[in-house]
Amino acid sequence: MARITLEPLRGFRDILEPESGMLTRLAEIFREIALSHGYGEVKPPTLERFELFAVKSGEEIRRSMYVFRDKAGREVALRPEATASVARIYLRLLRGRQKPIRLFYVVNCFRYEEPQRARYREFWQAGIEIIGEPDIYGDFEAIKMLVYFYRKIGMMDHIVLKLGSTRLYRILFAKYNVPEDFQDHILHLMDKGMYKEALNEINEKGFNELGVLLSRIWEHRDSIDAAVKAIENVVPEAKKAISELNAIYDMLRQYEPNLNIEIDLAFARGLAYYTGIIYEVKVPGFPVSIAGGGRYDNLIKIYGDEDVPGTGFAIGLDRTLAAMQELGRAEDLLEKRRRAALIVMNREHVPYAARIQDMLILKNIVTTIVVTPRLHKALTRIVKQGYDYAIIVGEQEYREQKVTIRDLAARKQVTVPVKDIEEVSELSELLA
């Protein structure tokens, strides 16, 4: 028989403890936050029709999607992100619900990108979508939840929230009659930091006045006042986008004065469906953003000819965990629970031991049954495995309905009736 290749495909991973537990815990914390804010969970399918993402996902994502034909000849794609799927689900199943509709998800996504530090071809995202809220309050609510999440996991002192506005550029592009596909292309170049290339292409297309205006904005990208000065006499309607950005900034300042916020008027995101406020969470020194989102007021209209606004974000759970590991904060995610090995000397006594195991688990003690007649060998092994207690069930303990509890670190031991375990909150009380 030929041997199979044991290595995962490039860009994919086998995730083991403790990282697997940390990743799960991040998802659990996010889920708790979303539920407590009034969001309902949605689980979109992993495989969608290619056209769903091809319409407005952006150049980079279209190039990096896993696309193939299924056995029925349909062109399908592994989801590269979840917002498009949630928009489809809304149009199919949720149109009749009272708006705004608040949804959340935790999903794995796939992009055929060049693997590098904290960037994988299969990755995990947790996110929210608010459908049917046109006011910037919806954007504030989304960002507030994002900040809440990073505060909850102890990252507030390590993150920077970058704020920008796609609406500003959509207004400027419309003023100069820039075609929508070319708009998306310029935003893609901006997302990649290719500002010189963007200006060259704008000028080549004959939008020279627009190029001058963009140069002025990008020159003072962190100054709202400079942006207003640059546009107020040329495209006065664009001041609304700047005011909107300023309002969000002020709301966040009032909500969380300790949040490190960075205004960046040259900031763009890779997804082509954004129309308003956009944002990313970054960790200084870390190579990629760890979360991001924004407003997408036209996406549902593109899919279903229904004018419904939307806003939301996605957290890169893998990236967030990698950043926490670099900062030495990941261990905080692991629940510190005592561990007990329930050593059963006779296989016939396993049902008895299983009832004891249930008692210990109810006391939040991780308990594993070990069946062996060789007590000394078992004790040596469980000490190496990091257990805190040995709970021994031998012939005498079974006959008398008792157990022997051994504290492996303190080297204390006591034999007690099984009913005594139910009457204490900690096993240490029986060893005192």
Protein backbone atom coordinates (compact mmCIF):
# COMPACT_ATOMS: atom_id res chain seq x y z
CA MET A 1 0.00 0.00 0.00
CA ALA A 2 1.36 3.44 -0.95
CA ARG A 3 2.04 5.84 1.89
CA ILE A 4 -0.02 9.02 1.94
CA THR A 5 1.53 12.47 2.42
CA LEU A 6 1.03 13.50 6.03
CA GLU A 7 1.74 17.21 5.63
CA PRO A 8 -1.37 19.43 5.22
CA LEU A 9 -1.73 21.39 2.01
CA ARG A 10 0.34 24.57 1.89
CA GLY A 11 -1.37 27.35 3.81
CA PHE A 12 -3.47 24.90 5.86
CA ARG A 13 -2.75 23.76 9.42
CA ASP A 14 -3.28 21.03 11.97
CA ILE A 15 -4.19 23.01 15.09
CA LEU A 16 -3.48 21.26 18.40
CA GLU A 17 -3.73 22.20 22.05
CA PRO A 18 -3.14 24.69 23.47
CA GLU A 19 -3.74 26.79 20.31
CA SER A 20 -6.93 24.92 19.41
CA GLY A 21 -8.39 25.64 22.84
CA MET A 22 -7.33 29.28 22.64
CA LEU A 23 -8.97 29.69 19.24
CA THR A 24 -12.17 28.08 20.51
CA ARG A 25 -12.16 30.33 23.57
CA LEU A 26 -11.86 33.46 21.41
CA ALA A 27 -14.90 32.31 19.44
CA GLU A 28 -16.81 31.60 22.67
CA ILE A 29 -16.03 35.05 24.07
CA PHE A 30 -17.18 36.67 20.83
CA ARG A 31 -20.37 34.60 20.80
CA GLU A 32 -21.15 35.61 24.40
CA ILE A 33 -20.68 39.28 23.51
CA ALA A 34 -22.84 39.07 20.39
CA LEU A 35 -25.68 37.31 22.20
CA SER A 36 -25.55 39.80 25.08
CA HIS A 37 -25.87 42.66 22.57
CA GLY A 38 -29.01 41.16 21.04
CA TYR A 39 -27.58 39.43 17.95
CA GLY A 40 -28.83 36.15 16.51
CA GLU A 41 -26.47 33.52 15.13
CA VAL A 42 -26.43 32.56 11.45
CA LYS A 43 -24.45 29.69 9.92
CA PRO A 44 -23.96 30.23 6.18
CA PRO A 45 -22.83 27.34 3.95
CA THR A 46 -19.13 26.85 3.27
CA LEU A 47 -19.72 26.50 -0.48
CA GLU A 48 -21.56 29.18 -2.46
CA ARG A 49 -22.12 30.04 -6.10
CA PHE A 50 -19.10 31.89 -7.46
CA GLU A 51 -21.24 34.75 -8.74
CA LEU A 52 -22.19 35.72 -5.18
CA PHE A 53 -18.61 36.80 -4.42
CA ALA A 54 -17.59 37.83 -7.94
CA VAL A 55 -20.04 40.74 -8.09
CA LYS A 56 -18.54 43.00 -5.40
CA SER A 57 -15.76 41.27 -3.48
CA GLY A 58 -12.89 43.26 -4.95
CA GLU A 59 -9.94 42.47 -7.19
CA GLU A 60 -7.74 40.67 -4.70
CA ILE A 61 -10.45 38.38 -3.35
CA ARG A 62 -11.70 37.50 -6.83
CA ARG A 63 -8.15 36.45 -7.75
CA SER A 64 -7.62 34.47 -4.56
CA MET A 65 -10.87 32.52 -4.35
CA TYR A 66 -10.99 28.74 -4.45
CA VAL A 67 -13.22 28.33 -7.51
CA PHE A 68 -14.17 25.09 -9.28
CA ARG A 69 -17.06 23.34 -11.00
CA ASP A 70 -19.02 20.81 -8.98
CA LYS A 71 -20.34 17.52 -10.35
CA ALA A 72 -23.40 19.30 -11.74
CA GLY A 73 -21.19 21.70 -13.68
CA ARG A 74 -21.98 24.74 -11.51
CA GLU A 75 -19.21 27.28 -10.87
CA VAL A 76 -18.84 27.40 -7.08
CA ALA A 77 -16.44 28.90 -4.54
CA LEU A 78 -15.34 28.23 -1.00
CA ARG A 79 -16.38 31.36 0.87
CA PRO A 80 -13.59 33.96 1.08
CA GLU A 81 -15.63 36.02 3.58
CA ALA A 82 -19.11 35.96 5.12
CA THR A 83 -20.85 39.30 4.50
CA ALA A 84 -21.97 38.37 0.98
CA SER A 85 -23.47 35.12 2.32
CA VAL A 86 -25.34 36.98 5.07
CA ALA A 87 -26.71 39.44 2.49
CA ARG A 88 -27.96 36.49 0.41
CA ILE A 89 -29.55 34.89 3.49
CA TYR A 90 -31.32 38.15 4.29
CA LEU A 91 -32.79 38.37 0.79
CA ARG A 92 -33.89 34.75 0.83
CA LEU A 93 -35.21 34.33 4.38
CA LEU A 94 -35.28 37.54 6.44
CA ARG A 95 -36.88 40.29 4.34
CA GLY A 96 -40.05 40.26 6.41
CA ARG A 97 -38.34 40.79 9.75
CA GLN A 98 -38.51 44.10 11.60
CA LYS A 99 -35.36 46.12 10.94
CA PRO A 100 -32.65 46.61 11.93
CA ILE A 101 -31.73 42.93 11.92
CA ARG A 102 -28.69 41.99 14.00
CA LEU A 103 -26.81 38.83 13.04
CA PHE A 104 -23.49 37.24 13.98
CA TYR A 105 -21.39 34.33 12.73
CA VAL A 106 -18.23 32.33 13.41
CA VAL A 107 -16.97 30.66 10.23
CA ASN A 108 -13.89 29.35 8.46
CA CYS A 109 -12.96 31.10 5.20
CA PHE A 110 -10.65 30.26 2.33
CA ARG A 111 -8.36 32.37 0.14
CA TYR A 112 -5.61 31.14 -2.15
CA GLU A 113 -3.06 33.71 -1.00
CA GLU A 114 0.68 33.43 -0.50
CA PRO A 115 1.05 32.00 3.02
CA GLN A 116 3.07 34.19 5.36
CA ARG A 117 3.21 35.20 8.98
CA ALA A 118 -0.35 35.21 10.42
CA ARG A 119 -1.86 34.74 6.93
CA TYR A 120 -3.30 31.33 6.05
CA ARG A 121 -5.34 29.85 3.21
CA GLU A 122 -7.92 28.58 5.67
CA PHE A 123 -8.68 31.00 8.48
CA TRP A 124 -11.37 31.71 11.05
CA GLN A 125 -13.54 34.81 11.25
CA ALA A 126 -16.11 36.02 13.75
CA GLY A 127 -18.32 38.91 12.74
CA ILE A 128 -21.58 40.81 12.92
CA GLU A 129 -23.90 42.39 10.38
CA ILE A 130 -26.52 45.08 11.11
CA ILE A 131 -29.02 45.11 8.25
CA GLY A 132 -31.46 47.99 7.85
CA GLU A 133 -29.80 50.67 10.00
CA PRO A 134 -29.00 53.77 7.87
CA ASP A 135 -27.74 56.02 10.67
CA ILE A 136 -24.09 56.21 11.75
CA TYR A 137 -25.31 54.90 15.09
CA GLY A 138 -25.14 51.48 13.42
CA ASP A 139 -21.46 52.04 12.60
CA PHE A 140 -20.81 53.18 16.16
CA GLU A 141 -22.60 50.12 17.57
CA ALA A 142 -20.48 47.79 15.45
CA ILE A 143 -17.19 49.48 16.39
CA LYS A 144 -18.26 49.61 20.04
CA MET A 145 -18.74 45.82 20.02
CA LEU A 146 -15.34 45.37 18.40
CA VAL A 147 -13.70 47.50 21.08
CA TYR A 148 -15.63 45.61 23.76
CA PHE A 149 -14.26 42.31 22.43
CA TYR A 150 -10.63 43.46 22.50
CA ARG A 151 -11.10 44.95 25.97
CA LYS A 152 -12.61 41.65 27.14
CA ILE A 153 -9.57 39.65 25.98
CA GLY A 154 -7.10 42.11 27.53
CA MET A 155 -5.85 43.74 24.31
CA MET A 156 -7.04 47.33 24.77
CA ASP A 157 -3.56 48.66 25.56
CA HIS A 158 -2.09 46.99 22.46
CA ILE A 159 -4.49 47.88 19.64
CA VAL A 160 -4.91 50.85 17.31
CA LEU A 161 -8.26 51.50 15.64
CA LYS A 162 -7.75 53.00 12.18
CA LEU A 163 -10.71 55.02 10.86
CA GLY A 164 -11.39 56.13 7.29
CA SER A 165 -14.19 56.86 4.86
CA THR A 166 -15.01 55.17 1.58
CA ARG A 167 -17.94 57.58 1.20
CA LEU A 168 -15.47 60.44 0.75
CA TYR A 169 -13.95 58.73 -2.28
CA ARG A 170 -17.25 57.59 -3.74
CA ILE A 171 -18.43 61.23 -3.68
CA LEU A 172 -15.20 62.48 -5.25
CA PHE A 173 -15.29 59.78 -7.93
CA ALA A 174 -18.93 60.58 -8.74
CA LYS A 175 -18.10 64.29 -9.06
CA TYR A 176 -15.61 63.47 -11.83
CA ASN A 177 -17.78 60.74 -13.44
CA VAL A 178 -15.29 57.95 -12.71
CA PRO A 179 -16.73 54.55 -13.79
CA GLU A 180 -17.56 52.24 -10.90
CA ASP A 181 -15.15 49.47 -11.96
CA PHE A 182 -12.31 52.00 -12.12
CA GLN A 183 -13.35 53.36 -8.71
CA ASP A 184 -13.02 49.87 -7.24
CA HIS A 185 -9.62 49.46 -8.91
CA ILE A 186 -8.28 52.72 -7.44
CA LEU A 187 -9.55 51.76 -3.98
CA HIS A 188 -7.80 48.40 -4.41
CA LEU A 189 -4.52 50.18 -5.18
CA MET A 190 -5.01 52.42 -2.14
CA ASP A 191 -5.63 49.36 0.03
CA LYS A 192 -2.26 48.02 -1.14
CA GLY A 193 -0.53 51.33 -0.39
CA MET A 194 0.12 51.88 -4.11
CA TYR A 195 -0.75 55.59 -4.14
CA LYS A 196 1.75 56.57 -6.83
CA GLU A 197 0.38 53.88 -9.14
CA ALA A 198 -3.17 55.03 -8.39
CA LEU A 199 -2.34 58.64 -9.33
CA ASN A 200 -0.59 57.53 -12.50
CA GLU A 201 -3.64 55.57 -13.64
CA ILE A 202 -6.02 58.40 -12.70
CA ASN A 203 -3.99 60.84 -14.78
CA GLU A 204 -3.71 58.38 -17.67
CA LYS A 205 -7.51 58.19 -17.74
CA GLY A 206 -7.68 61.99 -17.95
CA PHE A 207 -8.92 62.66 -14.40
CA ASN A 208 -6.10 65.10 -13.69
CA GLU A 209 -8.11 67.45 -11.47
CA LEU A 210 -9.17 64.49 -9.34
CA GLY A 211 -5.54 63.40 -9.08
CA VAL A 212 -4.51 66.83 -7.74
CA LEU A 213 -7.32 66.71 -5.19
CA LEU A 214 -6.39 63.21 -4.00
CA SER A 215 -2.73 64.23 -3.68
CA ARG A 216 -3.72 67.08 -1.34
CA ILE A 217 -5.82 64.76 0.84
CA TRP A 218 -3.15 62.05 1.00
CA GLU A 219 -0.45 64.59 1.85
CA HIS A 220 -2.26 65.34 5.13
CA ARG A 221 -3.97 62.00 5.58
CA ASP A 222 -4.29 62.28 9.36
CA SER A 223 -5.89 65.75 9.35
CA ILE A 224 -9.63 66.20 9.00
CA ASP A 225 -9.18 69.98 8.87
CA ALA A 226 -6.71 69.71 5.97
CA ALA A 227 -9.14 67.45 4.08
CA VAL A 228 -12.00 69.91 4.55
CA LYS A 229 -9.79 72.74 3.33
CA ALA A 230 -8.83 70.74 0.24
CA ILE A 231 -12.37 69.83 -0.80
CA GLU A 232 -14.73 72.52 0.52
CA ASN A 233 -14.46 74.79 -2.52
CA VAL A 234 -14.17 71.97 -5.08
CA VAL A 235 -16.56 69.25 -3.92
CA PRO A 236 -18.50 70.77 -1.00
CA GLU A 237 -20.86 67.79 -0.78
CA ALA A 238 -17.88 65.65 0.30
CA LYS A 239 -17.79 67.56 3.59
CA LYS A 240 -20.70 65.34 4.69
CA ALA A 241 -18.43 62.28 4.61
CA ILE A 242 -15.78 64.13 6.63
CA SER A 243 -18.39 65.24 9.18
CA GLU A 244 -19.63 61.66 9.48
CA LEU A 245 -16.10 60.44 10.16
CA ASN A 246 -15.57 63.17 12.74
CA ALA A 247 -18.85 62.27 14.47
CA ILE A 248 -17.86 58.61 14.79
CA TYR A 249 -14.47 59.67 16.15
CA ASP A 250 -16.13 61.86 18.80
CA MET A 251 -18.60 59.13 19.81
CA LEU A 252 -15.80 56.62 20.26
CA ARG A 253 -13.73 59.11 22.26
CA GLN A 254 -16.66 59.61 24.64
CA TYR A 255 -17.31 55.87 24.91
CA GLU A 256 -13.72 54.74 25.50
CA PRO A 257 -11.25 57.56 26.21
CA ASN A 258 -8.34 55.10 26.40
CA LEU A 259 -8.86 53.76 22.87
CA ASN A 260 -5.98 54.55 20.52
CA ILE A 261 -7.72 55.94 17.40
CA GLU A 262 -5.94 56.87 14.20
CA ILE A 263 -7.69 58.90 11.50
CA ASP A 264 -6.36 57.95 8.05
CA LEU A 265 -7.98 59.67 5.07
CA ALA A 266 -5.87 57.64 2.64
CA PHE A 267 -7.14 54.39 4.11
CA ALA A 268 -9.10 51.92 1.93
CA ARG A 269 -10.16 48.30 2.40
CA GLY A 270 -9.92 45.46 -0.11
CA LEU A 271 -13.63 44.64 -0.30
CA ALA A 272 -15.28 46.62 -3.09
CA TYR A 273 -18.74 46.83 -1.50
CA TYR A 274 -17.88 49.44 1.16
CA THR A 275 -19.70 52.78 0.84
CA GLY A 276 -19.19 54.65 4.13
CA ILE A 277 -17.19 54.47 7.35
CA ILE A 278 -14.42 51.86 7.29
CA TYR A 279 -12.05 50.74 10.03
CA GLU A 280 -9.36 48.24 10.97
CA VAL A 281 -7.81 47.03 14.20
CA LYS A 282 -4.04 46.83 14.14
CA VAL A 283 -1.32 45.91 16.64
CA PRO A 284 1.84 47.99 16.20
CA GLY A 285 4.66 45.76 14.95
CA PHE A 286 2.28 43.02 13.82
CA PRO A 287 2.31 42.59 10.01
CA VAL A 288 -1.43 42.45 9.26
CA SER A 289 -4.66 43.93 10.60
CA ILE A 290 -6.48 41.64 13.02
CA ALA A 291 -10.05 42.90 12.43
CA GLY A 292 -11.91 45.29 10.18
CA GLY A 293 -15.25 46.37 8.83
CA GLY A 294 -17.39 49.14 7.46
CA ARG A 295 -20.66 50.26 5.90
CA TYR A 296 -22.03 48.67 2.71
CA ASP A 297 -25.28 50.41 1.77
CA ASN A 298 -25.48 49.12 -1.83
CA LEU A 299 -24.60 45.43 -1.49
CA ILE A 300 -28.12 44.10 -0.88
CA LYS A 301 -29.48 46.31 -3.67
CA ILE A 302 -26.93 44.81 -6.07
CA TYR A 303 -27.99 41.28 -5.11
CA GLY A 304 -31.74 41.69 -4.78
CA ASP A 305 -32.93 45.07 -6.03
CA GLU A 306 -33.92 46.10 -2.50
CA ASP A 307 -32.41 49.29 -1.09
CA VAL A 308 -31.38 48.15 2.41
CA PRO A 309 -28.31 49.56 4.18
CA GLY A 310 -25.86 47.42 6.09
CA THR A 311 -22.79 47.67 8.28
CA GLY A 312 -20.60 45.18 10.12
CA PHE A 313 -17.16 43.81 10.88
CA ALA A 314 -15.13 40.61 10.90
CA ILE A 315 -12.49 39.61 13.45
CA GLY A 316 -9.59 37.48 12.27
CA LEU A 317 -9.54 34.97 15.11
CA ASP A 318 -6.28 33.33 13.93
CA ARG A 319 -4.60 36.72 13.57
CA THR A 320 -5.87 37.93 16.92
CA LEU A 321 -4.52 34.79 18.59
CA ALA A 322 -1.15 35.15 16.83
CA ALA A 323 -0.89 38.76 18.01
CA MET A 324 -1.78 37.72 21.56
CA GLN A 325 0.89 35.02 21.47
CA GLU A 326 3.51 37.55 20.39
CA LEU A 327 2.46 39.83 23.25
CA GLY A 328 2.49 36.99 25.78
CA ARG A 329 -1.27 37.33 26.41
CA ALA A 330 -2.59 34.10 24.88
CA GLU A 331 -2.25 32.01 28.04
CA ASP A 332 -4.90 34.24 29.63
CA LEU A 333 -7.47 32.56 27.37
CA LEU A 334 -6.96 29.15 28.95
CA GLU A 335 -9.26 28.36 31.84
CA LYS A 336 -7.24 27.32 34.87
CA ARG A 337 -8.98 24.09 35.93
CA ARG A 338 -7.68 21.43 38.29
CA ARG A 339 -7.14 17.99 36.72
CA ALA A 340 -7.73 14.59 38.26
CA ALA A 341 -6.84 11.10 37.06
CA LEU A 342 -9.38 8.57 38.32
CA ILE A 343 -7.32 5.38 38.60
CA VAL A 344 -9.46 2.22 38.53
CA MET A 345 -7.63 -0.97 39.51
CA ASN A 346 -10.30 -3.38 38.27
CA ARG A 347 -12.10 -2.99 34.93
CA GLU A 348 -15.35 -4.26 36.54
CA HIS A 349 -15.41 -1.15 38.76
CA VAL A 350 -15.45 1.33 35.85
CA PRO A 351 -19.23 2.06 36.13
CA TYR A 352 -18.69 2.94 39.81
CA ALA A 353 -15.78 5.17 38.86
CA ALA A 354 -17.85 6.81 36.11
CA ARG A 355 -20.37 8.03 38.72
CA ILE A 356 -17.49 9.54 40.70
CA GLN A 357 -16.21 11.15 37.51
CA ASP A 358 -19.59 12.88 37.06
CA MET A 359 -19.34 14.30 40.60
CA LEU A 360 -15.88 15.70 39.97
CA ILE A 361 -16.82 17.21 36.61
CA LEU A 362 -19.74 19.02 38.29
CA LYS A 363 -17.13 20.63 40.54
CA ASN A 364 -15.30 21.89 37.43
CA ILE A 365 -12.46 19.37 37.81
CA VAL A 366 -11.20 17.89 34.54
CA THR A 367 -11.34 14.14 35.19
CA THR A 368 -9.95 11.25 33.14
CA ILE A 369 -10.48 7.56 33.96
CA VAL A 370 -7.32 5.43 33.86
CA VAL A 371 -7.90 1.65 34.06
CA THR A 372 -4.79 -0.24 35.23
CA PRO A 373 -3.79 -2.77 37.90
CA ARG A 374 -0.36 -1.08 38.20
CA LEU A 375 -0.85 1.83 40.56
CA HIS A 376 2.78 2.96 40.88
CA LYS A 377 3.26 3.09 37.11
CA ALA A 378 0.01 5.02 36.67
CA LEU A 379 1.02 7.55 39.33
CA THR A 380 4.38 8.16 37.65
CA ARG A 381 2.71 8.71 34.31
CA ILE A 382 0.00 11.13 35.50
CA VAL A 383 2.55 13.24 37.40
CA LYS A 384 4.45 13.68 34.12
CA GLN A 385 1.17 14.56 32.39
CA GLY A 386 0.53 17.42 34.80
CA TYR A 387 -2.43 16.11 36.79
CA ASP A 388 -3.17 17.70 40.18
CA TYR A 389 -4.95 14.77 41.82
CA ALA A 390 -5.00 10.99 41.71
CA ILE A 391 -8.38 9.55 42.70
CA ILE A 392 -7.83 5.85 43.40
CA VAL A 393 -10.48 3.14 43.27
CA GLY A 394 -9.05 -0.19 44.44
CA GLU A 395 -10.81 -3.31 45.71
CA GLN A 396 -11.17 -1.97 49.25
CA GLU A 397 -12.42 1.44 48.14
CA TYR A 398 -15.01 -0.26 45.94
CA ARG A 399 -16.25 -2.57 48.72
CA GLU A 400 -16.56 0.31 51.21
CA GLN A 401 -17.94 2.83 48.66
CA LYS A 402 -14.97 5.09 49.21
CA VAL A 403 -12.14 6.70 47.20
CA THR A 404 -8.54 7.58 48.00
CA ILE A 405 -7.66 11.16 47.03
CA ARG A 406 -3.98 12.03 46.58
CA ASP A 407 -2.72 15.60 46.09
CA LEU A 408 0.22 14.97 43.76
CA ALA A 409 2.00 18.26 44.47
CA ALA A 410 1.56 18.36 48.26
CA ARG A 411 1.93 14.56 48.53
CA LYS A 412 -1.05 14.34 50.86
CA GLN A 413 -3.55 11.50 50.77
CA VAL A 414 -6.90 10.73 52.37
CA THR A 415 -9.54 7.99 51.99
CA VAL A 416 -13.12 9.24 52.28
CA PRO A 417 -16.66 8.04 51.53
CA VAL A 418 -17.79 8.97 48.02
CA LYS A 419 -20.70 11.02 49.42
CA ASP A 420 -18.16 13.39 51.02
CA ILE A 421 -17.10 14.57 47.55
CA GLU A 422 -20.60 15.93 46.95
CA GLU A 423 -20.52 17.92 50.19
CA VAL A 424 -17.39 20.02 49.49
CA SER A 425 -16.74 22.72 46.90
CA GLU A 426 -13.01 21.86 46.52
CA LEU A 427 -11.18 18.56 46.93
CA SER A 428 -8.54 20.41 48.94
CA GLU A 429 -11.11 20.68 51.75
CA LEU A 430 -10.99 16.90 52.17
CA LEU A 431 -7.18 16.96 52.33
CA ALA A 432 -6.90 19.73 54.92
